[in-house]
C-alpha atoms as a PDB file:
ATOM      1  CA  MET A   1      -3.341  40.678  -0.183  1.00  0.00           C
ATOM      2  CA  GLU A   2      -1.035  41.842   2.812  1.00  0.00           C
ATOM      3  CA  LEU A   3       1.546  39.694   4.062  1.00  0.00           C
ATOM      4  CA  ARG A   4       1.408  40.129   7.903  1.00  0.00           C
ATOM      5  CA  GLN A   5      -2.569  39.677   7.808  1.00  0.00           C
ATOM      6  CA  ARG A   6      -2.504  36.714   5.750  1.00  0.00           C
ATOM      7  CA  ALA A   7       0.330  35.072   7.844  1.00  0.00           C
ATOM      8  CA  LEU A   8      -1.873  35.253  10.869  1.00  0.00           C
ATOM      9  CA  GLU A   9      -4.732  33.810   9.032  1.00  0.00           C
ATOM     10  CA  VAL A  10      -2.534  30.898   8.071  1.00  0.00           C
ATOM     11  CA  LEU A  11      -1.370  30.372  11.290  1.00  0.00           C
ATOM     12  CA  CYS A  12      -4.850  29.839  12.690  1.00  0.00           C
ATOM     13  CA  LEU A  13      -5.721  27.209  10.175  1.00  0.00           C
ATOM     14  CA  THR A  14      -6.075  23.820  11.598  1.00  0.00           C
ATOM     15  CA  ASP A  15      -5.858  21.574   8.590  1.00  0.00           C
ATOM     16  CA  ALA A  16      -1.986  20.502   8.112  1.00  0.00           C
ATOM     17  CA  GLU A  17      -2.570  20.006   4.598  1.00  0.00           C
ATOM     18  CA  GLU A  18      -4.379  23.290   4.152  1.00  0.00           C
ATOM     19  CA  LYS A  19      -1.914  25.064   6.169  1.00  0.00           C
ATOM     20  CA  SER A  20       1.227  23.891   4.771  1.00  0.00           C
ATOM     21  CA  ALA A  21      -0.345  24.461   0.757  1.00  0.00           C
ATOM     22  CA  ALA A  22      -1.455  28.228   2.179  1.00  0.00           C
ATOM     23  CA  ALA A  23       2.306  28.818   3.384  1.00  0.00           C
ATOM     24  CA  LEU A  24       3.839  27.664   0.186  1.00  0.00           C
ATOM     25  CA  ALA A  25       1.053  29.793  -1.803  1.00  0.00           C
ATOM     26  CA  LEU A  26       2.011  32.981   0.285  1.00  0.00           C
ATOM     27  CA  GLN A  27       5.617  32.376  -0.500  1.00  0.00           C
ATOM     28  CA  ALA A  28       4.776  32.194  -4.274  1.00  0.00           C
ATOM     29  CA  GLN A  29       3.599  35.910  -3.858  1.00  0.00           C
ATOM     30  CA  ALA A  30       6.793  37.083  -2.248  1.00  0.00           C
ATOM     31  CA  ALA A  31       7.855  39.389  -5.040  1.00  0.00           C
ATOM     32  CA  SER A  32       4.451  41.522  -5.073  1.00  0.00           C
ATOM     33  CA  ILE A  33       3.073  41.063  -1.853  1.00  0.00           C
ATOM     34  CA  SER A  34       2.344  44.264   0.151  1.00  0.00           C
ATOM     35  CA  ILE A  35       3.650  44.598   3.780  1.00  0.00           C
ATOM     36  CA  ALA A  36       2.210  46.552   6.380  1.00  0.00           C
ATOM     37  CA  ILE A  37       5.423  47.123   8.597  1.00  0.00           C
ATOM     38  CA  ASP A  38       3.801  49.204  11.458  1.00  0.00           C
ATOM     39  CA  ALA A  39       0.406  47.997  11.429  1.00  0.00           C
ATOM     40  CA  THR A  40      -0.040  44.735  13.751  1.00  0.00           C
ATOM     41  CA  PRO A  41      -3.089  42.413  13.079  1.00  0.00           C
ATOM     42  CA  THR A  42      -5.260  41.081  16.003  1.00  0.00           C
ATOM     43  CA  PRO A  43      -5.630  37.390  16.557  1.00  0.00           C
ATOM     44  CA  THR A  44      -9.153  36.147  16.855  1.00  0.00           C
ATOM     45  CA  GLN A  45      -8.306  32.794  18.304  1.00  0.00           C
ATOM     46  CA  ALA A  46      -6.003  30.929  20.162  1.00  0.00           C
ATOM     47  CA  LEU A  47      -2.725  30.368  18.582  1.00  0.00           C
ATOM     48  CA  PRO A  48      -1.611  28.405  16.876  1.00  0.00           C
ATOM     49  CA  GLY A  49      -4.077  26.520  14.685  1.00  0.00           C
ATOM     50  CA  HIS A  50      -3.438  22.801  14.988  1.00  0.00           C
ATOM     51  CA  PRO A  51      -5.381  19.360  13.951  1.00  0.00           C
ATOM     52  CA  ALA A  52      -7.123  17.362  16.362  1.00  0.00           C
ATOM     53  CA  ARG A  53      -4.304  14.811  15.792  1.00  0.00           C
ATOM     54  CA  PRO A  54      -1.642  14.245  16.787  1.00  0.00           C
ATOM     55  CA  GLU A  55      -2.237  13.938  20.361  1.00  0.00           C
ATOM     56  CA  LEU A  56       0.004  16.689  22.079  1.00  0.00           C
ATOM     57  CA  LEU A  57       1.840  14.979  25.348  1.00  0.00           C
ATOM     58  CA  GLN A  58       4.605  16.290  27.260  1.00  0.00           C
ATOM     59  CA  HIS A  59       7.977  15.195  25.549  1.00  0.00           C
ATOM     60  CA  THR A  60       8.926  12.921  28.639  1.00  0.00           C
ATOM     61  CA  ALA A  61       5.786  10.632  28.217  1.00  0.00           C
ATOM     62  CA  LEU A  62       6.774   9.965  24.166  1.00  0.00           C
ATOM     63  CA  ALA A  63       8.232   6.636  23.695  1.00  0.00           C
ATOM     64  CA  ARG A  64      11.389   6.037  21.852  1.00  0.00           C
ATOM     65  CA  ARG A  65      11.723   3.326  19.408  1.00  0.00           C
ATOM     66  CA  SER A  66      14.620   2.213  17.084  1.00  0.00           C
ATOM     67  CA  PRO A  67      15.123   3.309  13.711  1.00  0.00           C
ATOM     68  CA  ALA A  68      16.081  -0.284  13.002  1.00  0.00           C
ATOM     69  CA  THR A  69      12.395  -1.441  12.560  1.00  0.00           C
ATOM     70  CA  PRO A  70       9.692  -0.130  10.255  1.00  0.00           C
ATOM     71  CA  GLY A  71       7.598   0.980  13.219  1.00  0.00           C
ATOM     72  CA  GLY A  72      10.274   2.765  14.962  1.00  0.00           C
ATOM     73  CA  ARG A  73      10.923   4.549  11.634  1.00  0.00           C
ATOM     74  CA  ALA A  74       7.717   5.702  11.400  1.00  0.00           C
ATOM     75  CA  VAL A  75       7.555   6.961  14.792  1.00  0.00           C
ATOM     76  CA  LEU A  76      11.231   9.083  14.123  1.00  0.00           C
ATOM     77  CA  ILE A  77       9.620  10.529  10.429  1.00  0.00           C
ATOM     78  CA  HIS A  78       6.351  11.511  12.299  1.00  0.00           C
ATOM     79  CA  ALA A  79       8.393  13.262  14.965  1.00  0.00           C
ATOM     80  CA  ILE A  80      10.659  15.012  12.469  1.00  0.00           C
ATOM     81  CA  ALA A  81       7.460  15.850  10.357  1.00  0.00           C
ATOM     82  CA  HIS A  82       5.765  17.557  13.778  1.00  0.00           C
ATOM     83  CA  ILE A  83       8.988  19.629  14.340  1.00  0.00           C
ATOM     84  CA  GLU A  84       8.507  21.100  10.549  1.00  0.00           C
ATOM     85  CA  PHE A  85       4.822  21.655  11.161  1.00  0.00           C
ATOM     86  CA  ASN A  86       5.531  23.579  14.195  1.00  0.00           C
ATOM     87  CA  ALA A  87       8.254  25.494  12.414  1.00  0.00           C
ATOM     88  CA  ILE A  88       5.931  26.592   9.996  1.00  0.00           C
ATOM     89  CA  ASN A  89       3.967  28.139  12.699  1.00  0.00           C
ATOM     90  CA  LEU A  90       7.027  29.698  14.232  1.00  0.00           C
ATOM     91  CA  ALA A  91       7.832  31.188  10.921  1.00  0.00           C
ATOM     92  CA  LEU A  92       4.268  32.671  10.585  1.00  0.00           C
ATOM     93  CA  ASP A  93       4.408  33.804  14.084  1.00  0.00           C
ATOM     94  CA  ALA A  94       7.390  35.758  13.619  1.00  0.00           C
ATOM     95  CA  LEU A  95       5.678  37.313  10.370  1.00  0.00           C
ATOM     96  CA  TRP A  96       2.487  38.746  11.795  1.00  0.00           C
ATOM     97  CA  ARG A  97       3.713  39.511  15.684  1.00  0.00           C
ATOM     98  CA  PHE A  98       6.770  42.000  15.141  1.00  0.00           C
ATOM     99  CA  ALA A  99       5.926  45.353  13.892  1.00  0.00           C
ATOM    100  CA  GLY A 100       8.375  47.837  12.876  1.00  0.00           C
ATOM    101  CA  MET A 101      11.104  45.824  11.162  1.00  0.00           C
ATOM    102  CA  PRO A 102      12.844  45.927   7.912  1.00  0.00           C
ATOM    103  CA  ARG A 103      10.850  44.804   4.904  1.00  0.00           C
ATOM    104  CA  GLN A 104      13.691  41.888   4.389  1.00  0.00           C
ATOM    105  CA  PHE A 105      12.737  40.377   7.811  1.00  0.00           C
ATOM    106  CA  TYR A 106       9.400  39.868   6.468  1.00  0.00           C
ATOM    107  CA  LEU A 107      10.460  38.326   3.084  1.00  0.00           C
ATOM    108  CA  ASP A 108      13.186  36.060   5.133  1.00  0.00           C
ATOM    109  CA  TRP A 109      10.550  34.651   7.420  1.00  0.00           C
ATOM    110  CA  LEU A 110       8.252  34.272   4.385  1.00  0.00           C
ATOM    111  CA  GLN A 111      10.626  32.140   2.506  1.00  0.00           C
ATOM    112  CA  VAL A 112      11.477  30.220   5.786  1.00  0.00           C
ATOM    113  CA  ALA A 113       7.491  29.565   6.283  1.00  0.00           C
ATOM    114  CA  GLY A 114       7.575  28.002   2.582  1.00  0.00           C
ATOM    115  CA  GLU A 115      10.418  25.939   2.876  1.00  0.00           C
ATOM    116  CA  GLU A 116       9.260  24.526   6.466  1.00  0.00           C
ATOM    117  CA  ALA A 117       5.836  23.765   4.545  1.00  0.00           C
ATOM    118  CA  ARG A 118       7.560  21.887   1.678  1.00  0.00           C
ATOM    119  CA  HIS A 119       9.965  20.001   4.434  1.00  0.00           C
ATOM    120  CA  PHE A 120       6.656  19.005   6.162  1.00  0.00           C
ATOM    121  CA  ARG A 121       4.928  17.642   3.028  1.00  0.00           C
ATOM    122  CA  LEU A 122       8.062  15.718   1.808  1.00  0.00           C
ATOM    123  CA  LEU A 123       8.199  13.689   5.133  1.00  0.00           C
ATOM    124  CA  ARG A 124       4.123  13.629   5.243  1.00  0.00           C
ATOM    125  CA  ASP A 125       4.541  11.952   1.886  1.00  0.00           C
ATOM    126  CA  HIS A 126       7.101   9.566   3.096  1.00  0.00           C
ATOM    127  CA  LEU A 127       5.127   8.450   5.692  1.00  0.00           C
ATOM    128  CA  ARG A 128       2.173   7.629   3.895  1.00  0.00           C
ATOM    129  CA  GLN A 129       4.059   6.221   0.529  1.00  0.00           C
ATOM    130  CA  HIS A 130       6.585   3.998   2.655  1.00  0.00           C
ATOM    131  CA  LEU A 131       5.733   3.553   6.225  1.00  0.00           C
ATOM    132  CA  GLY A 132       1.799   3.055   6.058  1.00  0.00           C
ATOM    133  CA  HIS A 133       0.934   5.724   8.214  1.00  0.00           C
ATOM    134  CA  ASP A 134       0.054   9.654   8.338  1.00  0.00           C
ATOM    135  CA  TYR A 135       0.943  12.651  10.308  1.00  0.00           C
ATOM    136  CA  GLY A 136      -1.306  12.338  13.204  1.00  0.00           C
ATOM    137  CA  ASP A 137      -1.033   8.639  13.886  1.00  0.00           C
ATOM    138  CA  PHE A 138       1.504   9.178  16.829  1.00  0.00           C
ATOM    139  CA  PRO A 139       1.465  11.348  19.681  1.00  0.00           C
ATOM    140  CA  ALA A 140       3.699  14.466  19.765  1.00  0.00           C
ATOM    141  CA  HIS A 141       4.766  17.561  22.020  1.00  0.00           C
ATOM    142  CA  GLN A 142       4.731  21.392  21.643  1.00  0.00           C
ATOM    143  CA  GLY A 143       8.299  22.073  23.049  1.00  0.00           C
ATOM    144  CA  LEU A 144       8.864  24.570  19.971  1.00  0.00           C
ATOM    145  CA  TRP A 145       5.764  26.259  20.374  1.00  0.00           C
ATOM    146  CA  SER A 146       6.388  27.024  24.066  1.00  0.00           C
ATOM    147  CA  MET A 147       9.465  28.770  23.762  1.00  0.00           C
ATOM    148  CA  CYS A 148       7.553  30.957  20.926  1.00  0.00           C
ATOM    149  CA  GLU A 149       4.838  31.541  23.467  1.00  0.00           C
ATOM    150  CA  LYS A 150       7.386  32.441  26.112  1.00  0.00           C
ATOM    151  CA  THR A 151       9.331  35.106  23.671  1.00  0.00           C
ATOM    152  CA  ALA A 152       5.761  36.547  22.211  1.00  0.00           C
ATOM    153  CA  HIS A 153       6.995  40.193  23.889  1.00  0.00           C
ATOM    154  CA  ASP A 154      10.690  40.192  22.803  1.00  0.00           C
ATOM    155  CA  ILE A 155      11.735  39.959  19.086  1.00  0.00           C
ATOM    156  CA  THR A 156      15.329  39.719  20.507  1.00  0.00           C
ATOM    157  CA  ALA A 157      14.710  36.802  22.593  1.00  0.00           C
ATOM    158  CA  ARG A 158      12.612  35.201  19.576  1.00  0.00           C
ATOM    159  CA  MET A 159      15.452  35.318  17.168  1.00  0.00           C
ATOM    160  CA  ALA A 160      17.899  34.408  19.980  1.00  0.00           C
ATOM    161  CA  LEU A 161      15.972  31.317  21.330  1.00  0.00           C
ATOM    162  CA  VAL A 162      13.945  29.894  18.562  1.00  0.00           C
ATOM    163  CA  PRO A 163      15.929  29.841  15.190  1.00  0.00           C
ATOM    164  CA  ARG A 164      19.416  29.771  16.447  1.00  0.00           C
ATOM    165  CA  THR A 165      19.039  27.944  19.801  1.00  0.00           C
ATOM    166  CA  LEU A 166      15.912  25.431  19.193  1.00  0.00           C
ATOM    167  CA  GLU A 167      16.009  25.088  15.373  1.00  0.00           C
ATOM    168  CA  ALA A 168      19.782  25.005  15.584  1.00  0.00           C
ATOM    169  CA  ARG A 169      19.885  21.857  17.590  1.00  0.00           C
ATOM    170  CA  GLY A 170      18.256  20.318  14.425  1.00  0.00           C
ATOM    171  CA  LEU A 171      21.701  21.065  12.588  1.00  0.00           C
ATOM    172  CA  ASP A 172      23.288  18.744  15.144  1.00  0.00           C
ATOM    173  CA  ALA A 173      20.888  15.963  15.447  1.00  0.00           C
ATOM    174  CA  THR A 174      20.336  15.315  11.732  1.00  0.00           C
ATOM    175  CA  PRO A 175      23.632  13.961  10.784  1.00  0.00           C
ATOM    176  CA  GLN A 176      23.175  11.372  13.684  1.00  0.00           C
ATOM    177  CA  ILE A 177      19.484  10.470  12.881  1.00  0.00           C
ATOM    178  CA  GLN A 178      20.713  10.184   9.054  1.00  0.00           C
ATOM    179  CA  ARG A 179      23.865   7.514  10.398  1.00  0.00           C
ATOM    180  CA  LYS A 180      20.991   5.548  11.879  1.00  0.00           C
ATOM    181  CA  LEU A 181      18.750   5.652   9.382  1.00  0.00           C
ATOM    182  CA  ARG A 182      21.884   4.473   6.721  1.00  0.00           C
ATOM    183  CA  ASN A 183      22.719   1.511   9.384  1.00  0.00           C
ATOM    184  CA  ALA A 184      18.810   0.279   8.718  1.00  0.00           C
ATOM    185  CA  GLY A 185      19.837   0.219   5.116  1.00  0.00           C
ATOM    186  CA  THR A 186      16.140  -0.372   3.518  1.00  0.00           C
ATOM    187  CA  ALA A 187      14.691   1.498   0.808  1.00  0.00           C
ATOM    188  CA  ASP A 188      12.549   3.653   2.774  1.00  0.00           C
ATOM    189  CA  ALA A 189      15.207   4.706   5.282  1.00  0.00           C
ATOM    190  CA  LEU A 190      17.531   5.447   2.765  1.00  0.00           C
ATOM    191  CA  ALA A 191      14.923   7.527   1.025  1.00  0.00           C
ATOM    192  CA  ALA A 192      14.534   9.465   4.403  1.00  0.00           C
ATOM    193  CA  VAL A 193      18.177  10.149   4.511  1.00  0.00           C
ATOM    194  CA  GLU A 194      17.669  12.056   0.939  1.00  0.00           C
ATOM    195  CA  ILE A 195      14.939  14.068   2.424  1.00  0.00           C
ATOM    196  CA  LEU A 196      16.730  14.921   5.524  1.00  0.00           C
ATOM    197  CA  ASP A 197      19.800  16.158   3.223  1.00  0.00           C
ATOM    198  CA  ILE A 198      17.379  18.700   1.872  1.00  0.00           C
ATOM    199  CA  ILE A 199      16.189  19.348   5.273  1.00  0.00           C
ATOM    200  CA  LEU A 200      19.492  20.216   6.489  1.00  0.00           C
ATOM    201  CA  ARG A 201      20.759  22.168   4.054  1.00  0.00           C
ATOM    202  CA  GLU A 202      17.830  24.439   3.944  1.00  0.00           C
ATOM    203  CA  GLU A 203      18.063  24.860   7.963  1.00  0.00           C
ATOM    204  CA  VAL A 204      21.293  26.029   7.612  1.00  0.00           C
ATOM    205  CA  GLY A 205      19.782  29.096   5.872  1.00  0.00           C
ATOM    206  CA  HIS A 206      16.820  29.140   8.432  1.00  0.00           C
ATOM    207  CA  VAL A 207      19.607  29.340  11.332  1.00  0.00           C
ATOM    208  CA  ALA A 208      21.575  31.871   9.397  1.00  0.00           C
ATOM    209  CA  ILE A 209      18.418  34.241   9.164  1.00  0.00           C
ATOM    210  CA  GLY A 210      17.901  34.087  12.858  1.00  0.00           C
ATOM    211  CA  ASN A 211      21.605  35.090  13.323  1.00  0.00           C
ATOM    212  CA  HIS A 212      21.264  37.925  11.158  1.00  0.00           C
ATOM    213  CA  TRP A 213      18.506  39.337  12.740  1.00  0.00           C
ATOM    214  CA  TYR A 214      19.717  38.536  16.528  1.00  0.00           C
ATOM    215  CA  GLY A 215      22.720  40.231  15.503  1.00  0.00           C
ATOM    216  CA  TRP A 216      20.825  43.296  13.683  1.00  0.00           C
ATOM    217  CA  LEU A 217      18.396  43.521  16.805  1.00  0.00           C
ATOM    218  CA  CYS A 218      21.699  43.618  19.228  1.00  0.00           C
ATOM    219  CA  ALA A 219      23.659  46.420  17.003  1.00  0.00           C
ATOM    220  CA  ARG A 220      20.389  48.470  16.833  1.00  0.00           C
ATOM    221  CA  ASP A 221      20.092  48.261  20.824  1.00  0.00           C
ATOM    222  CA  GLY A 222      23.695  48.324  21.889  1.00  0.00           C
ATOM    223  CA  LEU A 223      23.681  44.824  22.992  1.00  0.00           C
ATOM    224  CA  GLU A 224      26.677  42.510  23.135  1.00  0.00           C
ATOM    225  CA  PRO A 225      25.337  39.381  21.503  1.00  0.00           C
ATOM    226  CA  VAL A 226      27.247  36.620  23.369  1.00  0.00           C
ATOM    227  CA  ALA A 227      26.691  38.232  26.866  1.00  0.00           C
ATOM    228  CA  HIS A 228      22.976  39.182  25.870  1.00  0.00           C
ATOM    229  CA  TYR A 229      22.291  35.992  24.763  1.00  0.00           C
ATOM    230  CA  ALA A 230      23.854  34.114  27.782  1.00  0.00           C
ATOM    231  CA  GLN A 231      21.293  35.922  30.115  1.00  0.00           C
ATOM    232  CA  LEU A 232      18.337  35.336  27.741  1.00  0.00           C
ATOM    233  CA  VAL A 233      19.131  31.685  27.729  1.00  0.00           C
ATOM    234  CA  GLN A 234      19.140  31.933  31.458  1.00  0.00           C
ATOM    235  CA  ARG A 235      16.206  34.002  31.699  1.00  0.00           C
ATOM    236  CA  TYR A 236      13.867  31.892  29.705  1.00  0.00           C
ATOM    237  CA  GLU A 237      15.470  28.445  30.546  1.00  0.00           C
ATOM    238  CA  ALA A 238      16.423  27.742  27.099  1.00  0.00           C
ATOM    239  CA  PRO A 239      18.215  24.043  26.615  1.00  0.00           C
ATOM    240  CA  ARG A 240      21.761  23.640  26.165  1.00  0.00           C
ATOM    241  CA  PRO A 241      23.024  21.958  22.669  1.00  0.00           C
ATOM    242  CA  LYS A 242      23.462  18.285  23.109  1.00  0.00           C
ATOM    243  CA  PRO A 243      27.099  17.410  21.587  1.00  0.00           C
ATOM    244  CA  PRO A 244      28.206  16.529  19.387  1.00  0.00           C
ATOM    245  CA  LEU A 245      27.839  19.993  17.600  1.00  0.00           C
ATOM    246  CA  ASN A 246      27.803  20.077  14.030  1.00  0.00           C
ATOM    247  CA  THR A 247      30.200  22.678  13.972  1.00  0.00           C
ATOM    248  CA  ALA A 248      30.432  22.903  10.046  1.00  0.00           C
ATOM    249  CA  ALA A 249      26.782  23.891   9.712  1.00  0.00           C
ATOM    250  CA  ARG A 250      26.738  26.073  12.788  1.00  0.00           C
ATOM    251  CA  ARG A 251      29.843  28.211  10.917  1.00  0.00           C
ATOM    252  CA  ALA A 252      27.864  28.256   7.756  1.00  0.00           C
ATOM    253  CA  ALA A 253      24.752  29.577   9.663  1.00  0.00           C
ATOM    254  CA  GLY A 254      26.830  32.503  11.099  1.00  0.00           C
ATOM    255  CA  PHE A 255      28.200  30.901  14.568  1.00  0.00           C
ATOM    256  CA  SER A 256      31.438  32.686  15.478  1.00  0.00           C
ATOM    257  CA  GLU A 257      34.097  30.463  16.519  1.00  0.00           C
ATOM    258  CA  ALA A 258      34.162  32.487  20.143  1.00  0.00           C
ATOM    259  CA  GLU A 259      30.300  31.163  20.256  1.00  0.00           C
ATOM    260  CA  LEU A 260      31.061  27.634  19.349  1.00  0.00           C
ATOM    261  CA  GLN A 261      33.832  27.301  21.683  1.00  0.00           C
ATOM    262  CA  TRP A 262      31.172  28.655  24.581  1.00  0.00           C
ATOM    263  CA  LEU A 263      28.378  26.270  23.210  1.00  0.00           C
ATOM    264  CA  GLU A 264      30.821  23.286  23.514  1.00  0.00           C
ATOM    265  CA  GLN A 265      32.479  24.112  26.806  1.00  0.00           C
ATOM    266  CA  GLY A 266      29.802  26.008  28.674  1.00  0.00           C
ATOM    267  CA  GLU A 267      31.762  29.278  29.128  1.00  0.00           C
ATOM    268  CA  GLY A 268      32.968  31.723  26.604  1.00  0.00           C
ATOM    269  CA  PRO A 269      34.101  35.488  26.547  1.00  0.00           C
ATOM    270  CA  GLN A 270      33.590  37.424  29.509  1.00  0.00           C
ATOM    271  CA  GLY A 271      32.937  34.340  31.622  1.00  0.00           C
ATOM    272  CA  ALA A 272      29.310  34.134  30.114  1.00  0.00           C
ATOM    273  CA  SER A 273      28.257  31.049  31.179  1.00  0.00           C
ATOM    274  CA  LEU A 274      25.330  28.579  29.840  1.00  0.00           C
ATOM    275  CA  GLN A 275      25.297  26.707  33.095  1.00  0.00           C
END
């Protein structure tokens, strides 16, 4: 088995259970798997493979419900599960799409794919066991994958705008979600808080991987990371983080103090703007 070809095959799978299990199985073979670094496989179908449900809508069409109610918690956990399912696809796409990187790049994204698959399965099991629902029961959106498509031709933009922008927003949002669930106070809500503790801890590592490879690519190509990031944000219309930032988690994931100041205030070194 060769990693990048197999990653593309798993990306094409449409069954959520099968895809998450295959991603975990692939991660389990990390120590011995071969990697064709310089040869890129060819997709034979539209990407990514996804199940018939959930129905995919524009994010503005999705209803918001309070996590104070069981139905609202089901919608919330389903939305997070969908993010984690998309994150499996994002990691698999980075694996197969970008040739010519060091072996560790592919091993890092293989680790991410496996951990995202575990997150998805934890949340799906929670929906089934505690809330009487399953993945696919509520509509969802494809915002994460849209940025994946826009950056398909540019690995530096991908590292900048998927892990260290879109996924980093999860570092900021998770503590606020956990507070709302603690306020609900029910057994299912508190169990969800514990799952989110696991996810937050591992997502710090995923954002750190994105930060590392973004910095590596900028150094390789002679780019100033903060200034180039500002250009990429504007070029691809990437969203700004919504305050409050989880500065402790972002520091642990490798964001510099200068960049944290810039993200919070909208302007940083050399006048680089996020507006």
